[in-house]
Amino acid sequence: MSATARDARSLRHGRHWARRLALQALYQWDLAHSSPAELLGQFTEDENWPRVDAGYFQELVRGVIAQAAELDAQLVPCLDRPMEEVDPVERAVLRIAAYELRHRLDVPFRVVIEEAVNLAKKFGAEGGYRFVNGVLDRLARRLRPFETSGR
């Protein structure tokens, strides 16, 4: 494996772990309204922290918390129920993915959706990943029409 391929794989792996811990942090924020500083400090002590792309984790947590209302406003037209009725885990997954779709154009929309679906499968309610997939498919078409039109 070339150094470039190893670097790309390491980046993907670190971002996967960043999303995973960001999901846990944002779930906690949604339920307990912990401050971003508390969350960031707490999760740097997680046993999986060495695997995490720390900068990406911090960007996701801070970005989603700072823009939760805007992200929710973009998600609501894609939902089949009020945001308050969405399972808290799936709500956190959707917010992370919405943030990435809006602000991380370097991450292909398919990667954003695949990562979100995998998080929903691992941590969400049974079958919740289907809901996440459908919502994000609709959102990606709205936010990245040029990228999604060539599916």
Protein backbone atom coordinates (compact mmCIF):
# COMPACT_ATOMS: atom_id res chain seq x y z
CA MET A 1 0.00 0.00 0.00
CA SER A 2 1.40 3.39 -0.97
CA ALA A 3 1.87 6.17 1.56
CA THR A 4 -0.87 8.18 -0.16
CA ALA A 5 -3.34 5.29 0.10
CA ARG A 6 -2.41 4.79 3.77
CA ASP A 7 -2.93 8.50 4.45
CA ALA A 8 -6.36 8.47 2.77
CA ARG A 9 -7.39 5.37 4.70
CA SER A 10 -6.17 6.88 7.96
CA LEU A 11 -8.14 10.08 7.25
CA ARG A 12 -11.35 8.11 6.55
CA HIS A 13 -10.84 6.01 9.68
CA GLY A 14 -10.19 9.08 11.86
CA ARG A 15 -13.27 10.83 10.49
CA HIS A 16 -15.39 7.73 11.06
CA TRP A 17 -14.37 7.74 14.73
CA ALA A 18 -14.89 11.53 14.90
CA ARG A 19 -18.48 11.08 13.68
CA ARG A 20 -19.05 8.22 16.11
CA LEU A 21 -17.93 10.21 19.15
CA ALA A 22 -19.64 13.37 17.86
CA LEU A 23 -22.88 11.38 17.74
CA GLN A 24 -22.48 10.44 21.39
CA ALA A 25 -21.56 14.00 22.38
CA LEU A 26 -24.47 15.54 20.46
CA TYR A 27 -26.91 12.99 21.86
CA GLN A 28 -25.77 14.02 25.34
CA TRP A 29 -26.03 17.72 24.41
CA ASP A 30 -29.55 17.23 23.06
CA LEU A 31 -30.76 15.54 26.25
CA ALA A 32 -28.73 17.31 28.96
CA HIS A 33 -27.71 20.56 27.21
CA SER A 34 -24.08 20.17 28.26
CA SER A 35 -21.80 22.96 27.07
CA PRO A 36 -19.53 22.35 24.08
CA ALA A 37 -16.47 22.79 26.33
CA GLU A 38 -17.74 20.11 28.74
CA LEU A 39 -18.46 17.72 25.90
CA LEU A 40 -15.13 18.26 24.18
CA GLY A 41 -13.27 17.74 27.44
CA GLN A 42 -15.22 14.63 28.34
CA PHE A 43 -14.79 12.90 25.00
CA THR A 44 -11.04 13.51 24.76
CA GLU A 45 -10.81 11.02 27.62
CA ASP A 46 -12.68 8.31 25.70
CA GLU A 47 -10.72 5.07 25.19
CA ASN A 48 -11.19 5.45 21.42
CA TRP A 49 -9.80 9.00 21.33
CA PRO A 50 -6.46 7.96 19.75
CA ARG A 51 -8.42 6.77 16.69
CA VAL A 52 -10.31 10.07 16.30
CA ASP A 53 -9.57 12.92 13.89
CA ALA A 54 -9.70 15.44 16.74
CA GLY A 55 -10.11 18.51 14.56
CA TYR A 56 -13.01 16.96 12.68
CA PHE A 57 -14.68 15.87 15.94
CA GLN A 58 -14.41 19.39 17.35
CA GLU A 59 -15.72 20.92 14.12
CA LEU A 60 -18.74 18.61 14.09
CA VAL A 61 -19.63 19.15 17.74
CA ARG A 62 -19.14 22.91 17.73
CA GLY A 63 -20.69 23.36 14.29
CA VAL A 64 -23.81 21.32 14.99
CA ILE A 65 -24.41 22.97 18.36
CA ALA A 66 -23.89 26.48 16.94
CA GLN A 67 -26.11 25.83 13.93
CA ALA A 68 -28.68 23.38 15.31
CA ALA A 69 -31.64 25.65 14.51
CA GLU A 70 -30.48 26.22 10.92
CA LEU A 71 -29.73 22.53 10.40
CA ASP A 72 -33.14 21.58 11.78
CA ALA A 73 -34.80 24.11 9.47
CA GLN A 74 -33.15 22.41 6.49
CA LEU A 75 -34.07 18.94 7.73
CA VAL A 76 -37.74 19.62 8.58
CA PRO A 77 -39.00 19.70 4.95
CA CYS A 78 -37.40 16.27 4.44
CA LEU A 79 -39.04 14.69 7.51
CA ASP A 80 -42.32 12.81 7.78
CA ARG A 81 -42.83 13.98 11.40
CA PRO A 82 -41.97 16.94 13.61
CA MET A 83 -38.29 17.14 14.60
CA GLU A 84 -39.25 16.70 18.28
CA GLU A 85 -40.67 13.25 17.46
CA VAL A 86 -37.48 12.02 15.80
CA ASP A 87 -35.55 9.57 18.00
CA PRO A 88 -32.71 11.48 19.76
CA VAL A 89 -30.00 9.24 18.27
CA GLU A 90 -31.38 9.64 14.78
CA ARG A 91 -31.79 13.38 15.34
CA ALA A 92 -28.08 13.64 16.22
CA VAL A 93 -27.12 11.53 13.19
CA LEU A 94 -29.24 13.73 10.91
CA ARG A 95 -27.74 16.93 12.30
CA ILE A 96 -24.18 15.69 11.81
CA ALA A 97 -24.94 14.66 8.24
CA ALA A 98 -26.77 17.92 7.51
CA TYR A 99 -23.75 19.84 8.79
CA GLU A 100 -21.43 17.84 6.56
CA LEU A 101 -23.67 18.23 3.52
CA ARG A 102 -23.76 22.00 4.06
CA HIS A 103 -20.20 22.72 5.08
CA ARG A 104 -17.92 19.86 4.08
CA LEU A 105 -18.11 19.86 0.32
CA ASP A 106 -14.83 17.91 0.31
CA VAL A 107 -16.80 14.90 1.61
CA PRO A 108 -18.90 13.30 -1.16
CA PHE A 109 -22.63 13.17 -0.40
CA ARG A 110 -22.59 9.36 -0.73
CA VAL A 111 -19.95 9.12 2.01
CA VAL A 112 -21.98 11.42 4.29
CA ILE A 113 -25.10 9.29 3.81
CA GLU A 114 -23.28 5.97 4.15
CA GLU A 115 -21.59 7.04 7.39
CA ALA A 116 -24.89 8.33 8.79
CA VAL A 117 -26.73 5.13 7.89
CA ASN A 118 -23.99 3.05 9.53
CA LEU A 119 -24.19 5.14 12.72
CA ALA A 120 -27.98 4.77 12.76
CA LYS A 121 -27.65 0.99 12.30
CA LYS A 122 -25.18 0.75 15.18
CA PHE A 123 -26.75 3.16 17.67
CA GLY A 124 -30.29 3.97 16.52
CA ALA A 125 -33.65 2.29 16.88
CA GLU A 126 -34.36 -0.85 14.90
CA GLY A 127 -34.97 0.12 11.30
CA GLY A 128 -34.13 3.77 12.02
CA TYR A 129 -31.37 3.66 9.45
CA ARG A 130 -34.00 3.47 6.69
CA PHE A 131 -35.55 6.70 7.95
CA VAL A 132 -32.11 8.35 8.10
CA ASN A 133 -31.29 7.18 4.58
CA GLY A 134 -34.54 8.56 3.14
CA VAL A 135 -34.25 11.92 4.88
CA LEU A 136 -30.63 12.40 3.85
CA ASP A 137 -31.31 11.36 0.28
CA ARG A 138 -33.91 14.14 0.06
CA LEU A 139 -31.65 16.63 1.83
CA ALA A 140 -28.67 15.84 -0.40
CA ARG A 141 -30.79 16.54 -3.49
CA ARG A 142 -31.68 19.95 -2.02
CA LEU A 143 -28.21 20.93 -0.80
CA ARG A 144 -26.03 19.38 -3.50
CA PRO A 145 -28.14 19.24 -6.66
CA PHE A 146 -25.18 19.23 -9.05
CA GLU A 147 -23.46 16.39 -7.20
CA THR A 148 -26.60 14.26 -6.82
CA SER A 149 -27.96 14.78 -10.34
CA GLY A 150 -25.31 12.52 -11.85
CA ARG A 151 -26.01 9.59 -9.56
